Amino acid sequence: MNILVCIKQVPDTTEIKIDPKTNTLIREGVESIINPFDLYAIEEAIRLKEQFGGKVTAISMGPPQVESALRESIAIGVDEILLLTDRKFAGADTWATSLTLAAAIRKIDEYDIILFGQQAIDGDTAQVGPGVAAHLGIPQTGFVKKIEEVKDSRIILQRLMEDGYDRIDMPLPAVITVVKEINEPRLPSLRGKRNAKKAELRTRTAADLNLDENEIGLNGSPTQVIKIFSPDLQKDGEKYELPTEELVEILYNKLKELGK
């Protein structure tokens, strides 16, 4: 079984800063980590390999520094790593990102399952996984909490819902995004860290993927971030210590004012 896991390197901070000229993330001076939700996707990919054999390939798109995140995935248990890196990819929204990832995946001879974490902590859109499936024309299921069975080119899994879960049976290949309830990610091993240092890093550019620069990066992004900020928390309030009848009257009048 050939399993692909798409990961993202994100800033290790809740204070995301945007370049006012390019409207893209400012990464300089900010420590980067593997997107925490992607660690669950990596773990599930490794478990599937341990159960069915085959290999796991981690794919990421970003600047050259993303190599560190990919090598960390090798230390955890991934077999091969692929970095999509090109200045033309910069500023991509979820549409352009999913299109680029899909183009790289098409170049891979054979794959059965493509795993994603449920979302990235710097964007929280949960759109890239489904977007890749749409570009590839294959089925997808999001918020998966358990993979029950993989057999005869089909997969049975549980999709987390507010009131329980749905049991899904779908054909492979397919895209699956997983939630943190699915497993407990393992830590990098000493042998894994040694393997990570010597692992071959394959790279692909826009030219390698035959992508038009008007379809990728900032040029190919129909949505763009105009401004991002942390809202000021205001805790203005009023306190009353009165008989119940008077409190009800005050509350009623306050609600009427808000309804105007």
C-alpha atoms as a PDB file:
ATOM      1  CA  MET A   1       0.000   0.000   0.000  1.00  0.00           C
ATOM      2  CA  ASN A   2       1.323   3.417  -0.980  1.00  0.00           C
ATOM      3  CA  ILE A   3       0.222   6.135   1.416  1.00  0.00           C
ATOM      4  CA  LEU A   4       0.744   9.862   0.927  1.00  0.00           C
ATOM      5  CA  VAL A   5       0.539  12.294   3.829  1.00  0.00           C
ATOM      6  CA  CYS A   6       0.418  16.015   3.103  1.00  0.00           C
ATOM      7  CA  ILE A   7       1.874  18.156   5.869  1.00  0.00           C
ATOM      8  CA  LYS A   8       2.391  21.850   6.458  1.00  0.00           C
ATOM      9  CA  GLN A   9       5.015  23.784   8.364  1.00  0.00           C
ATOM     10  CA  VAL A  10       3.386  26.526  10.450  1.00  0.00           C
ATOM     11  CA  PRO A  11       4.617  29.288  12.786  1.00  0.00           C
ATOM     12  CA  ASP A  12       4.888  28.120  16.403  1.00  0.00           C
ATOM     13  CA  THR A  13       2.892  31.081  17.673  1.00  0.00           C
ATOM     14  CA  THR A  14      -0.650  32.373  17.961  1.00  0.00           C
ATOM     15  CA  GLU A  15       0.500  35.878  17.011  1.00  0.00           C
ATOM     16  CA  ILE A  16       0.477  35.545  13.224  1.00  0.00           C
ATOM     17  CA  LYS A  17       1.960  38.572  11.424  1.00  0.00           C
ATOM     18  CA  ILE A  18       1.217  39.549   7.840  1.00  0.00           C
ATOM     19  CA  ASP A  19       3.468  41.512   5.479  1.00  0.00           C
ATOM     20  CA  PRO A  20       1.380  44.619   4.618  1.00  0.00           C
ATOM     21  CA  LYS A  21       2.863  44.778   1.106  1.00  0.00           C
ATOM     22  CA  THR A  22       2.404  41.155   0.040  1.00  0.00           C
ATOM     23  CA  ASN A  23      -0.370  40.090   2.450  1.00  0.00           C
ATOM     24  CA  THR A  24       1.593  36.886   3.141  1.00  0.00           C
ATOM     25  CA  LEU A  25       2.873  35.400   6.394  1.00  0.00           C
ATOM     26  CA  ILE A  26       6.030  36.847   7.917  1.00  0.00           C
ATOM     27  CA  ARG A  27       8.110  33.771   8.769  1.00  0.00           C
ATOM     28  CA  GLU A  28      11.430  35.413   9.594  1.00  0.00           C
ATOM     29  CA  GLY A  29      12.324  35.244  13.272  1.00  0.00           C
ATOM     30  CA  VAL A  30       9.459  32.877  14.084  1.00  0.00           C
ATOM     31  CA  GLU A  31      10.130  29.241  14.978  1.00  0.00           C
ATOM     32  CA  SER A  32       8.314  26.774  12.738  1.00  0.00           C
ATOM     33  CA  ILE A  33       6.826  23.370  13.522  1.00  0.00           C
ATOM     34  CA  ILE A  34       4.849  20.635  11.807  1.00  0.00           C
ATOM     35  CA  ASN A  35       1.191  21.596  11.928  1.00  0.00           C
ATOM     36  CA  PRO A  36       0.013  19.751  15.091  1.00  0.00           C
ATOM     37  CA  PHE A  37      -3.022  18.183  13.388  1.00  0.00           C
ATOM     38  CA  ASP A  38      -0.728  16.746  10.697  1.00  0.00           C
ATOM     39  CA  LEU A  39       1.085  14.671  13.323  1.00  0.00           C
ATOM     40  CA  TYR A  40      -2.081  12.561  13.653  1.00  0.00           C
ATOM     41  CA  ALA A  41      -2.129  12.066   9.871  1.00  0.00           C
ATOM     42  CA  ILE A  42       1.533  10.996   9.930  1.00  0.00           C
ATOM     43  CA  GLU A  43       0.860   8.537  12.763  1.00  0.00           C
ATOM     44  CA  GLU A  44      -2.147   7.025  10.976  1.00  0.00           C
ATOM     45  CA  ALA A  45      -0.141   6.664   7.756  1.00  0.00           C
ATOM     46  CA  ILE A  46       2.615   4.797   9.625  1.00  0.00           C
ATOM     47  CA  ARG A  47       0.066   2.521  11.319  1.00  0.00           C
ATOM     48  CA  LEU A  48      -1.469   1.655   7.956  1.00  0.00           C
ATOM     49  CA  LYS A  49       1.993   0.828   6.595  1.00  0.00           C
ATOM     50  CA  GLU A  50       2.714  -1.367   9.611  1.00  0.00           C
ATOM     51  CA  GLN A  51      -0.563  -3.224   9.057  1.00  0.00           C
ATOM     52  CA  PHE A  52      -0.569  -3.572   5.265  1.00  0.00           C
ATOM     53  CA  GLY A  53       3.022  -2.980   4.196  1.00  0.00           C
ATOM     54  CA  GLY A  54       4.102  -0.532   1.497  1.00  0.00           C
ATOM     55  CA  LYS A  55       5.546   2.919   2.115  1.00  0.00           C
ATOM     56  CA  VAL A  56       4.630   6.380   3.352  1.00  0.00           C
ATOM     57  CA  THR A  57       5.601   9.533   1.465  1.00  0.00           C
ATOM     58  CA  ALA A  58       5.290  12.952   3.102  1.00  0.00           C
ATOM     59  CA  ILE A  59       4.627  15.911   0.791  1.00  0.00           C
ATOM     60  CA  SER A  60       4.775  19.589   1.664  1.00  0.00           C
ATOM     61  CA  MET A  61       4.691  22.881  -0.208  1.00  0.00           C
ATOM     62  CA  GLY A  62       6.655  25.906   0.927  1.00  0.00           C
ATOM     63  CA  PRO A  63      10.044  27.629   1.078  1.00  0.00           C
ATOM     64  CA  PRO A  64      13.293  25.642   1.428  1.00  0.00           C
ATOM     65  CA  GLN A  65      13.083  25.798   5.247  1.00  0.00           C
ATOM     66  CA  VAL A  66      10.167  23.327   5.113  1.00  0.00           C
ATOM     67  CA  GLU A  67      12.823  20.653   4.646  1.00  0.00           C
ATOM     68  CA  SER A  68      13.214  20.540   8.439  1.00  0.00           C
ATOM     69  CA  ALA A  69       9.548  19.561   8.888  1.00  0.00           C
ATOM     70  CA  LEU A  70       9.839  16.853   6.248  1.00  0.00           C
ATOM     71  CA  ARG A  71      12.974  15.444   7.840  1.00  0.00           C
ATOM     72  CA  GLU A  72      11.191  15.395  11.188  1.00  0.00           C
ATOM     73  CA  SER A  73       8.497  13.252   9.572  1.00  0.00           C
ATOM     74  CA  ILE A  74      11.239  10.814   8.512  1.00  0.00           C
ATOM     75  CA  ALA A  75      12.382  10.670  12.154  1.00  0.00           C
ATOM     76  CA  ILE A  76       8.844   9.725  13.151  1.00  0.00           C
ATOM     77  CA  GLY A  77       8.597   6.899  10.611  1.00  0.00           C
ATOM     78  CA  VAL A  78       7.878   8.256   7.114  1.00  0.00           C
ATOM     79  CA  ASP A  79       9.853   6.585   4.297  1.00  0.00           C
ATOM     80  CA  GLU A  80      10.211   9.263   1.608  1.00  0.00           C
ATOM     81  CA  ILE A  81       9.846  13.048   1.460  1.00  0.00           C
ATOM     82  CA  LEU A  82       8.909  15.456  -1.338  1.00  0.00           C
ATOM     83  CA  LEU A  83       9.124  19.257  -1.179  1.00  0.00           C
ATOM     84  CA  LEU A  84       7.259  21.502  -3.621  1.00  0.00           C
ATOM     85  CA  THR A  85       9.228  24.727  -3.540  1.00  0.00           C
ATOM     86  CA  ASP A  86       9.258  27.663  -5.933  1.00  0.00           C
ATOM     87  CA  ARG A  87       8.899  31.411  -5.477  1.00  0.00           C
ATOM     88  CA  LYS A  88       5.932  31.157  -7.827  1.00  0.00           C
ATOM     89  CA  PHE A  89       4.090  29.134  -5.156  1.00  0.00           C
ATOM     90  CA  ALA A  90       4.316  31.997  -2.621  1.00  0.00           C
ATOM     91  CA  GLY A  91       1.096  33.561  -1.371  1.00  0.00           C
ATOM     92  CA  ALA A  92      -1.093  30.636  -2.426  1.00  0.00           C
ATOM     93  CA  ASP A  93      -4.557  30.390  -0.920  1.00  0.00           C
ATOM     94  CA  THR A  94      -6.283  27.055  -0.332  1.00  0.00           C
ATOM     95  CA  TRP A  95      -7.367  26.779  -3.983  1.00  0.00           C
ATOM     96  CA  ALA A  96      -3.892  27.342  -5.417  1.00  0.00           C
ATOM     97  CA  THR A  97      -2.294  25.170  -2.726  1.00  0.00           C
ATOM     98  CA  SER A  98      -4.601  22.230  -3.400  1.00  0.00           C
ATOM     99  CA  LEU A  99      -4.092  22.601  -7.160  1.00  0.00           C
ATOM    100  CA  THR A 100      -0.301  22.482  -6.708  1.00  0.00           C
ATOM    101  CA  LEU A 101      -0.406  19.483  -4.377  1.00  0.00           C
ATOM    102  CA  ALA A 102      -2.739  17.658  -6.763  1.00  0.00           C
ATOM    103  CA  ALA A 103      -0.372  18.314  -9.673  1.00  0.00           C
ATOM    104  CA  ALA A 104       2.494  16.768  -7.697  1.00  0.00           C
ATOM    105  CA  ILE A 105       0.398  13.770  -6.693  1.00  0.00           C
ATOM    106  CA  ARG A 106      -0.523  13.103 -10.334  1.00  0.00           C
ATOM    107  CA  LYS A 107       3.196  12.636 -11.024  1.00  0.00           C
ATOM    108  CA  ILE A 108       3.311   9.772  -8.510  1.00  0.00           C
ATOM    109  CA  ASP A 109       2.856   6.417 -10.203  1.00  0.00           C
ATOM    110  CA  GLU A 110       0.598   4.792  -7.642  1.00  0.00           C
ATOM    111  CA  TYR A 111      -1.120   5.751  -4.397  1.00  0.00           C
ATOM    112  CA  ASP A 112      -3.967   4.320  -2.354  1.00  0.00           C
ATOM    113  CA  ILE A 113      -4.682   6.808   0.451  1.00  0.00           C
ATOM    114  CA  ILE A 114      -3.883  10.516   0.835  1.00  0.00           C
ATOM    115  CA  LEU A 115      -3.980  11.691   4.444  1.00  0.00           C
ATOM    116  CA  PHE A 116      -4.270  15.215   5.859  1.00  0.00           C
ATOM    117  CA  GLY A 117      -4.690  16.649   9.333  1.00  0.00           C
ATOM    118  CA  GLN A 118      -8.143  18.160   9.807  1.00  0.00           C
ATOM    119  CA  GLN A 119      -6.848  21.719   9.324  1.00  0.00           C
ATOM    120  CA  ALA A 120      -3.823  23.990   9.715  1.00  0.00           C
ATOM    121  CA  ILE A 121      -3.551  26.091  12.862  1.00  0.00           C
ATOM    122  CA  ASP A 122      -2.510  29.203  10.907  1.00  0.00           C
ATOM    123  CA  GLY A 123      -5.538  29.195   8.619  1.00  0.00           C
ATOM    124  CA  ASP A 124      -8.169  26.899  10.195  1.00  0.00           C
ATOM    125  CA  THR A 125      -9.970  26.497   6.855  1.00  0.00           C
ATOM    126  CA  ALA A 126      -9.950  22.672   6.517  1.00  0.00           C
ATOM    127  CA  GLN A 127     -10.193  23.228   2.751  1.00  0.00           C
ATOM    128  CA  VAL A 128      -6.928  21.912   1.288  1.00  0.00           C
ATOM    129  CA  GLY A 129      -7.623  18.192   1.718  1.00  0.00           C
ATOM    130  CA  PRO A 130     -11.069  18.334   0.056  1.00  0.00           C
ATOM    131  CA  GLY A 131      -9.590  20.683  -2.556  1.00  0.00           C
ATOM    132  CA  VAL A 132      -6.931  18.142  -3.517  1.00  0.00           C
ATOM    133  CA  ALA A 133      -9.611  15.462  -3.858  1.00  0.00           C
ATOM    134  CA  ALA A 134     -11.654  17.764  -6.106  1.00  0.00           C
ATOM    135  CA  HIS A 135      -8.674  18.503  -8.368  1.00  0.00           C
ATOM    136  CA  LEU A 136      -7.815  14.798  -8.591  1.00  0.00           C
ATOM    137  CA  GLY A 137     -11.419  13.735  -9.079  1.00  0.00           C
ATOM    138  CA  ILE A 138     -11.354  11.154  -6.273  1.00  0.00           C
ATOM    139  CA  PRO A 139     -13.617  10.690  -3.210  1.00  0.00           C
ATOM    140  CA  GLN A 140     -12.845  12.280   0.147  1.00  0.00           C
ATOM    141  CA  THR A 141     -14.079  12.196   3.723  1.00  0.00           C
ATOM    142  CA  GLY A 142     -13.218  14.713   6.425  1.00  0.00           C
ATOM    143  CA  PHE A 143     -12.954  14.584  10.223  1.00  0.00           C
ATOM    144  CA  VAL A 144     -12.221  10.862  10.347  1.00  0.00           C
ATOM    145  CA  LYS A 145     -11.901   9.464  13.880  1.00  0.00           C
ATOM    146  CA  LYS A 146     -11.235   5.816  13.030  1.00  0.00           C
ATOM    147  CA  ILE A 147     -10.284   3.638  10.077  1.00  0.00           C
ATOM    148  CA  GLU A 148     -12.099   0.343  10.569  1.00  0.00           C
ATOM    149  CA  GLU A 149     -11.064  -1.683   7.544  1.00  0.00           C
ATOM    150  CA  VAL A 150      -9.156  -1.497   4.277  1.00  0.00           C
ATOM    151  CA  LYS A 151      -9.945  -4.332   1.870  1.00  0.00           C
ATOM    152  CA  ASP A 152     -10.472  -4.963  -1.843  1.00  0.00           C
ATOM    153  CA  SER A 153      -9.727  -1.355  -2.846  1.00  0.00           C
ATOM    154  CA  ARG A 154     -12.295   0.007  -0.391  1.00  0.00           C
ATOM    155  CA  ILE A 155     -12.026   1.649   2.998  1.00  0.00           C
ATOM    156  CA  ILE A 156     -14.506   1.732   5.881  1.00  0.00           C
ATOM    157  CA  LEU A 157     -14.123   4.539   8.385  1.00  0.00           C
ATOM    158  CA  GLN A 158     -15.881   6.608  11.012  1.00  0.00           C
ATOM    159  CA  ARG A 159     -16.485  10.315  10.420  1.00  0.00           C
ATOM    160  CA  LEU A 160     -16.883  12.413  13.566  1.00  0.00           C
ATOM    161  CA  MET A 161     -20.185  14.273  13.864  1.00  0.00           C
ATOM    162  CA  GLU A 162     -21.646  16.507  16.575  1.00  0.00           C
ATOM    163  CA  ASP A 163     -24.047  13.792  17.731  1.00  0.00           C
ATOM    164  CA  GLY A 164     -21.809  10.740  17.194  1.00  0.00           C
ATOM    165  CA  TYR A 165     -20.276   9.450  13.990  1.00  0.00           C
ATOM    166  CA  ASP A 166     -21.146   8.344  10.469  1.00  0.00           C
ATOM    167  CA  ARG A 167     -19.838   5.020   9.137  1.00  0.00           C
ATOM    168  CA  ILE A 168     -18.504   5.561   5.613  1.00  0.00           C
ATOM    169  CA  ASP A 169     -17.641   2.961   2.977  1.00  0.00           C
ATOM    170  CA  MET A 170     -15.845   4.374  -0.068  1.00  0.00           C
ATOM    171  CA  PRO A 171     -13.523   3.269  -2.874  1.00  0.00           C
ATOM    172  CA  LEU A 172      -9.790   3.885  -3.064  1.00  0.00           C
ATOM    173  CA  PRO A 173      -7.818   5.911  -3.899  1.00  0.00           C
ATOM    174  CA  ALA A 174      -9.289   8.572  -1.646  1.00  0.00           C
ATOM    175  CA  VAL A 175      -8.423  11.624   0.435  1.00  0.00           C
ATOM    176  CA  ILE A 176      -8.971  11.413   4.190  1.00  0.00           C
ATOM    177  CA  THR A 177      -8.583  14.200   6.737  1.00  0.00           C
ATOM    178  CA  VAL A 178      -8.241  13.000  10.330  1.00  0.00           C
ATOM    179  CA  VAL A 179      -9.066  14.437  13.747  1.00  0.00           C
ATOM    180  CA  LYS A 180      -6.941  14.102  16.871  1.00  0.00           C
ATOM    181  CA  GLU A 181      -9.246  11.432  18.314  1.00  0.00           C
ATOM    182  CA  ILE A 182      -7.922   8.938  15.761  1.00  0.00           C
ATOM    183  CA  ASN A 183      -4.647   8.071  17.532  1.00  0.00           C
ATOM    184  CA  GLU A 184      -1.768   9.187  19.750  1.00  0.00           C
ATOM    185  CA  PRO A 185       1.222  10.367  17.678  1.00  0.00           C
ATOM    186  CA  ARG A 186       4.541   8.705  18.424  1.00  0.00           C
ATOM    187  CA  LEU A 187       7.768  10.578  19.128  1.00  0.00           C
ATOM    188  CA  PRO A 188      10.783  10.509  16.804  1.00  0.00           C
ATOM    189  CA  SER A 189      13.116   7.578  17.504  1.00  0.00           C
ATOM    190  CA  LEU A 190      16.905   7.712  17.700  1.00  0.00           C
ATOM    191  CA  ARG A 191      17.151   5.516  14.599  1.00  0.00           C
ATOM    192  CA  GLY A 192      14.591   7.732  12.900  1.00  0.00           C
ATOM    193  CA  LYS A 193      16.653  10.835  13.610  1.00  0.00           C
ATOM    194  CA  ARG A 194      19.685   9.176  12.048  1.00  0.00           C
ATOM    195  CA  ASN A 195      17.620   8.224   9.008  1.00  0.00           C
ATOM    196  CA  ALA A 196      16.296  11.776   8.762  1.00  0.00           C
ATOM    197  CA  LYS A 197      19.793  13.211   8.381  1.00  0.00           C
ATOM    198  CA  LYS A 198      20.676  11.033   5.395  1.00  0.00           C
ATOM    199  CA  ALA A 199      17.253  10.745   3.725  1.00  0.00           C
ATOM    200  CA  GLU A 200      17.016  11.969   0.148  1.00  0.00           C
ATOM    201  CA  LEU A 201      14.892  15.081  -0.266  1.00  0.00           C
ATOM    202  CA  ARG A 202      13.158  15.225  -3.632  1.00  0.00           C
ATOM    203  CA  THR A 203      12.017  18.652  -4.810  1.00  0.00           C
ATOM    204  CA  ARG A 204       9.631  19.863  -7.492  1.00  0.00           C
ATOM    205  CA  THR A 205       9.171  23.332  -8.985  1.00  0.00           C
ATOM    206  CA  ALA A 206       6.328  24.866 -10.977  1.00  0.00           C
ATOM    207  CA  ALA A 207       8.166  23.927 -14.182  1.00  0.00           C
ATOM    208  CA  ASP A 208       8.568  20.313 -13.011  1.00  0.00           C
ATOM    209  CA  LEU A 209       4.808  20.128 -12.473  1.00  0.00           C
ATOM    210  CA  ASN A 210       3.952  21.891 -15.767  1.00  0.00           C
ATOM    211  CA  LEU A 211       1.987  24.546 -13.904  1.00  0.00           C
ATOM    212  CA  ASP A 212       1.055  27.917 -15.358  1.00  0.00           C
ATOM    213  CA  GLU A 213       2.255  30.700 -13.044  1.00  0.00           C
ATOM    214  CA  ASN A 214      -1.125  32.400 -13.446  1.00  0.00           C
ATOM    215  CA  GLU A 215      -2.787  29.394 -11.771  1.00  0.00           C
ATOM    216  CA  ILE A 216      -0.533  29.114  -8.722  1.00  0.00           C
ATOM    217  CA  GLY A 217       0.741  31.207  -5.834  1.00  0.00           C
ATOM    218  CA  LEU A 218      -0.660  34.675  -5.336  1.00  0.00           C
ATOM    219  CA  ASN A 219      -1.555  35.033  -9.033  1.00  0.00           C
ATOM    220  CA  GLY A 220      -3.750  31.938  -8.950  1.00  0.00           C
ATOM    221  CA  SER A 221      -5.451  32.689  -5.633  1.00  0.00           C
ATOM    222  CA  PRO A 222      -9.044  33.927  -5.899  1.00  0.00           C
ATOM    223  CA  THR A 223      -9.010  34.748  -2.167  1.00  0.00           C
ATOM    224  CA  GLN A 224      -6.418  36.918  -0.435  1.00  0.00           C
ATOM    225  CA  VAL A 225      -5.847  37.967   3.172  1.00  0.00           C
ATOM    226  CA  ILE A 226      -6.348  41.713   3.540  1.00  0.00           C
ATOM    227  CA  LYS A 227      -5.813  41.974   7.274  1.00  0.00           C
ATOM    228  CA  ILE A 228      -5.317  39.668  10.243  1.00  0.00           C
ATOM    229  CA  PHE A 229      -5.225  40.681  13.894  1.00  0.00           C
ATOM    230  CA  SER A 230      -5.992  39.542  17.418  1.00  0.00           C
ATOM    231  CA  PRO A 231      -9.184  41.249  18.639  1.00  0.00           C
ATOM    232  CA  ASP A 232      -9.118  43.353  21.783  1.00  0.00           C
ATOM    233  CA  LEU A 233     -11.026  41.662  24.578  1.00  0.00           C
ATOM    234  CA  GLN A 234     -13.461  44.019  26.276  1.00  0.00           C
ATOM    235  CA  LYS A 235     -15.303  42.971  29.395  1.00  0.00           C
ATOM    236  CA  ASP A 236     -17.665  45.863  29.926  1.00  0.00           C
ATOM    237  CA  GLY A 237     -20.617  44.959  32.093  1.00  0.00           C
ATOM    238  CA  GLU A 238     -23.142  46.132  34.613  1.00  0.00           C
ATOM    239  CA  LYS A 239     -23.957  44.547  37.946  1.00  0.00           C
ATOM    240  CA  TYR A 240     -27.308  44.838  39.699  1.00  0.00           C
ATOM    241  CA  GLU A 241     -28.360  43.636  43.133  1.00  0.00           C
ATOM    242  CA  LEU A 242     -32.114  44.135  43.159  1.00  0.00           C
ATOM    243  CA  PRO A 243     -35.298  42.148  43.754  1.00  0.00           C
ATOM    244  CA  THR A 244     -36.109  39.612  41.026  1.00  0.00           C
ATOM    245  CA  GLU A 245     -39.040  41.598  39.616  1.00  0.00           C
ATOM    246  CA  GLU A 246     -36.879  44.684  39.069  1.00  0.00           C
ATOM    247  CA  LEU A 247     -34.048  42.629  37.541  1.00  0.00           C
ATOM    248  CA  VAL A 248     -36.475  41.061  35.055  1.00  0.00           C
ATOM    249  CA  GLU A 249     -37.716  44.520  34.037  1.00  0.00           C
ATOM    250  CA  ILE A 250     -34.163  45.809  33.530  1.00  0.00           C
ATOM    251  CA  LEU A 251     -33.164  42.737  31.518  1.00  0.00           C
ATOM    252  CA  TYR A 252     -36.276  43.040  29.371  1.00  0.00           C
ATOM    253  CA  ASN A 253     -35.529  46.679  28.542  1.00  0.00           C
ATOM    254  CA  LYS A 254     -31.879  45.889  27.764  1.00  0.00           C
ATOM    255  CA  LEU A 255     -32.926  43.142  25.328  1.00  0.00           C
ATOM    256  CA  LYS A 256     -35.393  45.506  23.657  1.00  0.00           C
ATOM    257  CA  GLU A 257     -32.588  48.048  23.126  1.00  0.00           C
ATOM    258  CA  LEU A 258     -30.365  45.393  21.553  1.00  0.00           C
ATOM    259  CA  GLY A 259     -33.208  44.368  19.240  1.00  0.00           C
ATOM    260  CA  LYS A 260     -33.672  47.818  17.742  1.00  0.00           C
END
